[in-house]
């Protein structure tokens, strides 16, 4: 088995490779060539507005004979920051770090092929998946977009769009902290082919544009659906940041999968990330389709439609195991080809007793 760090993976893998691998995986899920277990969250409350979260998801790609499970061990805090309620992962592991990993298994040999740190791949697979949705759902003539959010995930959204929507010319960027949004634009400008323009409000970023990009960790809406124009597409990475009016006005709600994640905890405890999902306020099931159906061409947008590609909390799935199987396979195969990573003897993972 090969152990790969975030730094090793980042040096090996490119965004175009991940976009291609994820498109194949979503098409395979739609056709039945891939299999998925719904994402699971298990909560243990520890203190006021803090809880331990163990999260897992797994999926298999028959085409490549691999199966992966992604697991995270998190301390989560629900905090109010800059006038907004947010969900933040606390770096409580030794040295101010986090813990998350992907185990990639061979379907033929049964043993694990690789253990990969998940942070960089996690970020990039979110950006790459959003890029796939934008490629099919953003009208071709659209050259401007609005981005709300300037954190870890927001940068990956732009990197994905540089691959799937190179025709974009300007993106207007808002977050609540002026210094942060200006610094974000300066840092990302050399990495993408479009102009980044910081603006002073969410409305200034998105209200007059037909492509909205939402990439925040907010536990409450950051947009107003009354700003939507006909023919607008909205990419959102998680359902708490979207208001009910946006979902109600959407003619089509696209999700990674219609499988719903589970949220398990002691009696009486409900974290805000589960309590505030948009599906608690709006039932979008009648207009919900899978991303695979859109990528295959089975579902097509109409020019006047408002469309929404939603992350977890929109009534469908959040992250999928097949996404991690797809991106981990790319990283593993490139690591083998380039001799990168730390090898651990396979016999540690084989046993003579029937499990």
Protein backbone atom coordinates (compact mmCIF):
# COMPACT_ATOMS: atom_id res chain seq x y z
CA UNK A 1 0.00 0.00 0.00
CA UNK A 2 1.17 3.51 -0.83
CA UNK A 3 0.74 6.44 1.56
CA UNK A 4 0.40 9.84 -0.12
CA UNK A 5 0.45 13.26 1.53
CA UNK A 6 -1.41 16.36 0.38
CA UNK A 7 1.85 17.92 -0.78
CA UNK A 8 2.76 14.88 -2.90
CA UNK A 9 -0.69 14.73 -4.45
CA UNK A 10 -0.73 18.45 -5.25
CA UNK A 11 2.53 18.12 -7.18
CA UNK A 12 1.20 15.20 -9.24
CA UNK A 13 -2.45 15.92 -10.09
CA UNK A 14 -4.00 18.66 -12.22
CA UNK A 15 -7.49 20.10 -12.28
CA UNK A 16 -8.19 18.99 -15.90
CA UNK A 17 -7.40 15.40 -14.89
CA UNK A 18 -9.82 15.59 -11.98
CA UNK A 19 -12.60 17.15 -14.09
CA UNK A 20 -12.26 14.32 -16.62
CA UNK A 21 -12.17 11.59 -13.95
CA UNK A 22 -15.22 12.97 -12.16
CA UNK A 23 -17.24 13.33 -15.35
CA UNK A 24 -16.59 9.65 -16.09
CA UNK A 25 -17.58 8.68 -12.53
CA UNK A 26 -20.89 10.59 -12.60
CA UNK A 27 -21.78 9.09 -15.98
CA UNK A 28 -20.99 5.63 -14.60
CA UNK A 29 -23.18 6.26 -11.55
CA UNK A 30 -26.03 7.28 -13.83
CA UNK A 31 -25.64 4.18 -16.02
CA UNK A 32 -25.23 1.75 -13.12
CA UNK A 33 -21.53 1.11 -13.68
CA UNK A 34 -20.69 2.71 -10.32
CA UNK A 35 -22.14 2.10 -6.87
CA UNK A 36 -22.61 4.52 -3.97
CA UNK A 37 -23.38 4.37 -0.25
CA UNK A 38 -25.10 7.47 1.16
CA UNK A 39 -22.86 9.76 3.17
CA UNK A 40 -23.10 9.27 6.94
CA UNK A 41 -22.59 11.83 9.74
CA UNK A 42 -22.32 10.72 13.37
CA UNK A 43 -22.39 13.48 16.00
CA UNK A 44 -21.28 13.56 19.63
CA UNK A 45 -21.97 16.90 21.37
CA UNK A 46 -19.02 17.99 23.52
CA UNK A 47 -19.76 21.57 24.63
CA UNK A 48 -21.98 24.51 23.78
CA UNK A 49 -22.15 24.71 19.98
CA UNK A 50 -19.23 22.27 19.59
CA UNK A 51 -19.42 18.64 18.58
CA UNK A 52 -17.30 15.73 17.39
CA UNK A 53 -18.24 14.60 13.88
CA UNK A 54 -17.22 11.30 12.30
CA UNK A 55 -18.14 11.34 8.64
CA UNK A 56 -17.80 8.64 6.01
CA UNK A 57 -18.84 7.91 2.44
CA UNK A 58 -17.80 5.17 0.04
CA UNK A 59 -18.31 4.17 -3.56
CA UNK A 60 -16.97 1.86 -6.22
CA UNK A 61 -16.05 2.23 -9.91
CA UNK A 62 -16.45 -1.09 -11.72
CA UNK A 63 -14.70 0.32 -14.80
CA UNK A 64 -11.45 0.69 -12.84
CA UNK A 65 -12.00 -2.11 -10.30
CA UNK A 66 -11.50 0.24 -7.35
CA UNK A 67 -13.56 1.16 -4.30
CA UNK A 68 -12.82 4.02 -1.91
CA UNK A 69 -13.96 5.18 1.48
CA UNK A 70 -13.37 8.72 2.67
CA UNK A 71 -13.45 9.37 6.41
CA UNK A 72 -12.98 12.49 8.52
CA UNK A 73 -12.55 12.91 12.26
CA UNK A 74 -13.61 16.49 13.04
CA UNK A 75 -14.22 18.87 15.90
CA UNK A 76 -16.85 21.33 14.64
CA UNK A 77 -17.79 24.69 16.13
CA UNK A 78 -20.89 26.69 15.25
CA UNK A 79 -19.76 30.31 15.61
CA UNK A 80 -20.94 33.80 14.80
CA UNK A 81 -18.35 35.69 12.80
CA UNK A 82 -18.69 39.06 11.08
CA UNK A 83 -22.44 39.03 11.64
CA UNK A 84 -23.00 35.57 10.18
CA UNK A 85 -23.48 32.15 11.77
CA UNK A 86 -20.90 29.72 10.44
CA UNK A 87 -19.74 26.12 10.74
CA UNK A 88 -15.98 25.83 11.26
CA UNK A 89 -13.74 22.80 11.58
CA UNK A 90 -11.36 23.27 14.50
CA UNK A 91 -7.72 22.17 13.90
CA UNK A 92 -7.68 20.25 17.20
CA UNK A 93 -5.26 17.48 16.17
CA UNK A 94 -1.64 17.79 17.42
CA UNK A 95 0.20 20.76 15.94
CA UNK A 96 -3.01 22.60 15.00
CA UNK A 97 -3.97 20.13 12.27
CA UNK A 98 -7.01 18.25 10.92
CA UNK A 99 -7.60 14.53 10.26
CA UNK A 100 -9.11 13.17 7.06
CA UNK A 101 -8.17 10.34 4.71
CA UNK A 102 -9.16 8.25 1.71
CA UNK A 103 -8.60 4.50 1.55
CA UNK A 104 -8.51 3.17 -2.02
CA UNK A 105 -9.12 -0.59 -2.41
CA UNK A 106 -8.59 -3.00 -5.28
CA UNK A 107 -11.73 -4.98 -6.14
CA UNK A 108 -9.59 -7.76 -7.56
CA UNK A 109 -6.81 -8.04 -4.98
CA UNK A 110 -9.10 -6.90 -2.11
CA UNK A 111 -6.28 -5.14 -0.25
CA UNK A 112 -5.90 -1.36 0.02
CA UNK A 113 -3.85 0.20 -2.76
CA UNK A 114 -3.35 3.57 -1.09
CA UNK A 115 -4.06 5.73 1.92
CA UNK A 116 -4.24 9.37 0.88
CA UNK A 117 -4.55 12.53 2.93
CA UNK A 118 -7.80 14.07 1.75
CA UNK A 119 -7.51 17.84 2.19
CA UNK A 120 -6.22 18.90 -1.23
CA UNK A 121 -8.23 16.31 -3.17
CA UNK A 122 -11.36 17.18 -1.19
CA UNK A 123 -11.07 20.83 -2.13
CA UNK A 124 -10.29 20.16 -5.78
CA UNK A 125 -13.04 17.56 -6.27
CA UNK A 126 -15.61 20.15 -5.07
CA UNK A 127 -14.27 22.69 -7.56
CA UNK A 128 -14.10 20.12 -10.36
CA UNK A 129 -17.65 18.89 -9.73
CA UNK A 130 -19.03 22.43 -9.74
CA UNK A 131 -17.11 23.00 -12.98
CA UNK A 132 -18.90 20.05 -14.60
CA UNK A 133 -22.28 21.49 -13.64
CA UNK A 134 -21.31 24.93 -14.94
CA UNK A 135 -20.13 23.48 -18.26
CA UNK A 136 -23.64 22.16 -18.98
CA UNK A 137 -25.89 24.61 -17.13
CA UNK A 138 -24.41 28.10 -17.57
CA UNK A 139 -25.68 29.67 -20.83
CA UNK A 140 -22.92 29.85 -23.44
CA UNK A 141 -23.24 33.61 -23.91
CA UNK A 142 -22.61 34.38 -20.22
CA UNK A 143 -19.22 36.05 -19.68
CA UNK A 144 -19.67 37.45 -16.15
CA UNK A 145 -20.31 35.78 -12.81
CA UNK A 146 -20.63 36.69 -9.16
CA UNK A 147 -18.79 34.77 -6.42
CA UNK A 148 -19.75 34.89 -2.76
CA UNK A 149 -17.06 33.48 -0.50
CA UNK A 150 -13.30 33.87 -0.39
CA UNK A 151 -12.22 30.89 1.71
CA UNK A 152 -10.57 27.53 1.06
CA UNK A 153 -13.30 26.24 -1.25
CA UNK A 154 -13.86 29.46 -3.20
CA UNK A 155 -10.43 29.32 -4.84
CA UNK A 156 -11.06 25.79 -6.12
CA UNK A 157 -14.33 26.95 -7.68
CA UNK A 158 -12.36 29.40 -9.80
CA UNK A 159 -9.71 26.81 -10.73
CA UNK A 160 -12.44 24.47 -11.93
CA UNK A 161 -14.14 27.18 -13.98
CA UNK A 162 -10.83 28.01 -15.65
CA UNK A 163 -11.04 24.50 -17.12
CA UNK A 164 -14.75 24.23 -17.90
CA UNK A 165 -15.74 27.85 -18.66
CA UNK A 166 -12.68 29.61 -20.13
CA UNK A 167 -15.04 32.05 -21.89
CA UNK A 168 -15.76 33.84 -18.61
CA UNK A 169 -14.22 37.31 -18.61
CA UNK A 170 -15.05 38.86 -15.23
CA UNK A 171 -16.03 37.53 -11.80
CA UNK A 172 -17.28 39.92 -9.13
CA UNK A 173 -16.23 38.75 -5.67
CA UNK A 174 -17.81 39.41 -2.27
CA UNK A 175 -17.11 38.34 1.29
CA UNK A 176 -17.90 40.26 4.47
CA UNK A 177 -14.29 41.20 5.20
CA UNK A 178 -12.97 43.80 2.76
CA UNK A 179 -9.29 43.00 3.29
CA UNK A 180 -9.92 39.30 2.80
CA UNK A 181 -11.83 39.67 -0.46
CA UNK A 182 -9.21 42.04 -1.88
CA UNK A 183 -6.38 39.70 -0.85
CA UNK A 184 -8.26 36.74 -2.37
CA UNK A 185 -8.58 38.52 -5.72
CA UNK A 186 -4.89 39.41 -5.73
CA UNK A 187 -3.84 35.86 -4.87
CA UNK A 188 -6.10 34.12 -7.40
CA UNK A 189 -5.64 36.55 -10.31
CA UNK A 190 -2.42 34.93 -11.64
CA UNK A 191 -4.05 31.47 -11.56
CA UNK A 192 -7.18 32.08 -13.66
CA UNK A 193 -7.91 33.58 -17.11
CA UNK A 194 -10.60 36.02 -15.97
CA UNK A 195 -10.61 39.36 -14.17
CA UNK A 196 -11.50 39.26 -10.46
CA UNK A 197 -13.24 42.37 -9.12
CA UNK A 198 -13.93 42.77 -5.36
CA UNK A 199 -17.28 44.38 -4.53
CA UNK A 200 -18.90 45.65 -1.34
CA UNK A 201 -22.07 43.52 -1.15
CA UNK A 202 -23.56 40.19 -2.15
CA UNK A 203 -26.14 41.98 -4.24
CA UNK A 204 -23.42 43.85 -6.13
CA UNK A 205 -21.71 40.55 -6.87
CA UNK A 206 -24.63 38.53 -8.22
CA UNK A 207 -27.83 40.54 -8.70
CA UNK A 208 -27.24 41.65 -12.29
CA UNK A 209 -25.52 38.45 -13.40
CA UNK A 210 -26.72 35.13 -14.77
CA UNK A 211 -24.13 32.94 -13.10
CA UNK A 212 -23.92 32.83 -9.30
CA UNK A 213 -21.14 30.96 -7.48
CA UNK A 214 -21.72 30.37 -3.76
CA UNK A 215 -18.81 28.93 -1.79
CA UNK A 216 -19.21 29.67 1.91
CA UNK A 217 -19.47 27.84 5.23
CA UNK A 218 -22.44 29.99 6.26
CA UNK A 219 -25.29 28.39 8.18
CA UNK A 220 -27.76 30.96 6.86
CA UNK A 221 -28.56 32.28 3.38
CA UNK A 222 -26.07 34.64 1.72
CA UNK A 223 -28.27 35.53 -1.30
CA UNK A 224 -31.84 36.62 -2.01
CA UNK A 225 -33.72 34.70 -4.68
CA UNK A 226 -35.60 37.86 -5.65
CA UNK A 227 -32.39 38.98 -7.38
CA UNK A 228 -32.59 36.12 -9.89
CA UNK A 229 -33.13 36.82 -13.59
CA UNK A 230 -34.55 34.30 -16.06
CA UNK A 231 -31.78 32.17 -17.54
CA UNK A 232 -29.57 32.28 -14.42
CA UNK A 233 -27.57 29.33 -13.13
CA UNK A 234 -26.52 29.04 -9.46
CA UNK A 235 -23.66 26.84 -8.28
CA UNK A 236 -23.80 26.29 -4.49
CA UNK A 237 -21.48 24.06 -2.48
CA UNK A 238 -23.81 23.61 0.53
CA UNK A 239 -27.51 24.13 1.11
CA UNK A 240 -27.49 26.43 4.13
CA UNK A 241 -26.10 29.33 2.06
CA UNK A 242 -29.10 29.25 -0.32
CA UNK A 243 -32.40 30.93 0.57
CA UNK A 244 -35.82 29.40 0.06
CA UNK A 245 -36.72 31.87 -2.71
CA UNK A 246 -33.80 30.67 -4.84
CA UNK A 247 -34.89 27.05 -4.58
CA UNK A 248 -38.53 27.97 -5.19
CA UNK A 249 -37.64 29.97 -8.31
CA UNK A 250 -35.37 27.26 -9.71
CA UNK A 251 -36.94 25.31 -12.57
CA UNK A 252 -34.33 22.57 -12.20
CA UNK A 253 -32.38 21.51 -9.09
CA UNK A 254 -29.35 19.37 -9.92
CA UNK A 255 -27.73 17.24 -7.21
CA UNK A 256 -24.79 14.85 -7.19
CA UNK A 257 -27.20 12.02 -6.38
CA UNK A 258 -30.75 11.71 -5.10
CA UNK A 259 -29.46 9.55 -2.24
CA UNK A 260 -29.88 11.40 1.06
CA UNK A 261 -27.14 11.49 3.69
CA UNK A 262 -27.83 10.35 7.25
CA UNK A 263 -27.36 12.47 10.38
CA UNK A 264 -27.04 10.43 13.57
CA UNK A 265 -26.66 11.73 17.10
CA UNK A 266 -27.94 11.33 20.65
CA UNK A 267 -31.61 11.96 21.30
CA UNK A 268 -32.46 15.64 21.30
CA UNK A 269 -29.26 16.81 19.58
CA UNK A 270 -29.55 18.30 16.09
CA UNK A 271 -26.57 20.25 14.67
CA UNK A 272 -27.41 23.38 12.73
CA UNK A 273 -25.95 21.91 9.53
CA UNK A 274 -28.73 19.28 9.61
CA UNK A 275 -31.42 21.57 11.01
CA UNK A 276 -30.92 24.35 8.47
CA UNK A 277 -30.75 22.38 5.23
CA UNK A 278 -32.89 24.03 2.59
CA UNK A 279 -34.97 20.84 2.32
CA UNK A 280 -36.35 21.68 5.77
CA UNK A 281 -38.06 24.71 4.20
CA UNK A 282 -38.66 23.79 0.55
CA UNK A 283 -39.50 20.45 -1.07
CA UNK A 284 -37.61 20.47 -4.38
CA UNK A 285 -37.95 16.75 -5.08
CA UNK A 286 -40.32 17.21 -8.03
CA UNK A 287 -37.75 19.25 -9.99
CA UNK A 288 -34.61 17.42 -8.78
CA UNK A 289 -32.34 15.53 -11.18
CA UNK A 290 -28.90 13.99 -10.89
CA UNK A 291 -25.74 15.56 -12.27
CA UNK A 292 -25.15 12.34 -14.22
CA UNK A 293 -28.45 12.83 -16.05
CA UNK A 294 -27.38 16.35 -17.04
CA UNK A 295 -23.90 15.23 -18.14
CA UNK A 296 -25.34 12.39 -20.23
CA UNK A 297 -27.70 14.76 -22.04
CA UNK A 298 -30.80 13.02 -20.70
CA UNK A 299 -31.82 16.31 -19.06
CA UNK A 300 -31.26 19.65 -20.80
CA UNK A 301 -31.86 23.18 -19.58
CA UNK A 302 -34.18 25.58 -21.37
CA UNK A 303 -32.82 29.06 -22.10
CA UNK A 304 -35.29 30.82 -19.79
CA UNK A 305 -34.86 28.44 -16.84
CA UNK A 306 -33.31 29.25 -13.50
CA UNK A 307 -31.15 26.27 -12.56
CA UNK A 308 -29.47 25.37 -9.28
CA UNK A 309 -26.64 22.93 -8.72
CA UNK A 310 -26.78 22.30 -4.99
CA UNK A 311 -24.41 20.81 -2.47
CA UNK A 312 -25.40 18.93 0.67
CA UNK A 313 -28.57 20.20 2.28
CA UNK A 314 -30.63 20.66 -0.91
CA UNK A 315 -32.46 17.37 -0.40
CA UNK A 316 -29.99 15.24 -2.35
CA UNK A 317 -26.53 14.08 -1.49
CA UNK A 318 -23.50 16.04 -0.46
CA UNK A 319 -20.12 14.51 -1.25
CA UNK A 320 -20.09 11.04 -2.81
CA UNK A 321 -17.80 8.08 -2.33
CA UNK A 322 -17.44 7.68 -6.10
CA UNK A 323 -15.94 11.16 -6.28
CA UNK A 324 -13.19 10.10 -3.90
CA UNK A 325 -12.70 6.81 -5.72
CA UNK A 326 -12.25 8.75 -8.96
CA UNK A 327 -9.80 11.36 -7.70
CA UNK A 328 -7.87 8.92 -5.49
CA UNK A 329 -7.39 6.57 -8.43
CA UNK A 330 -5.87 9.37 -10.51
CA UNK A 331 -3.51 10.31 -7.68
CA UNK A 332 -2.53 6.70 -6.99
CA UNK A 333 -1.79 5.83 -10.62
CA UNK A 334 0.32 8.95 -11.10
CA UNK A 335 2.16 8.27 -7.85
CA UNK A 336 3.03 4.74 -9.01
CA UNK A 337 4.17 6.04 -12.41
CA UNK A 338 6.43 8.67 -10.81
CA UNK A 339 7.61 6.61 -7.81
CA UNK A 340 6.06 9.03 -5.31
CA UNK A 341 4.80 8.13 -1.82
CA UNK A 342 5.70 5.84 1.05
CA UNK A 343 5.25 2.09 0.56
CA UNK A 344 3.85 -0.03 3.40
CA UNK A 345 4.11 -3.86 3.03
CA UNK A 346 0.85 -5.35 1.84
CA UNK A 347 0.98 -8.23 4.32
CA UNK A 348 -0.07 -5.87 7.11
CA UNK A 349 -3.50 -5.71 5.48
CA UNK A 350 -4.00 -9.40 4.69
CA UNK A 351 -5.11 -11.98 7.26
CA UNK A 352 -5.45 -15.75 7.45
CA UNK A 353 -8.55 -15.57 9.66
CA UNK A 354 -11.91 -15.10 7.97
CA UNK A 355 -13.08 -11.57 8.79
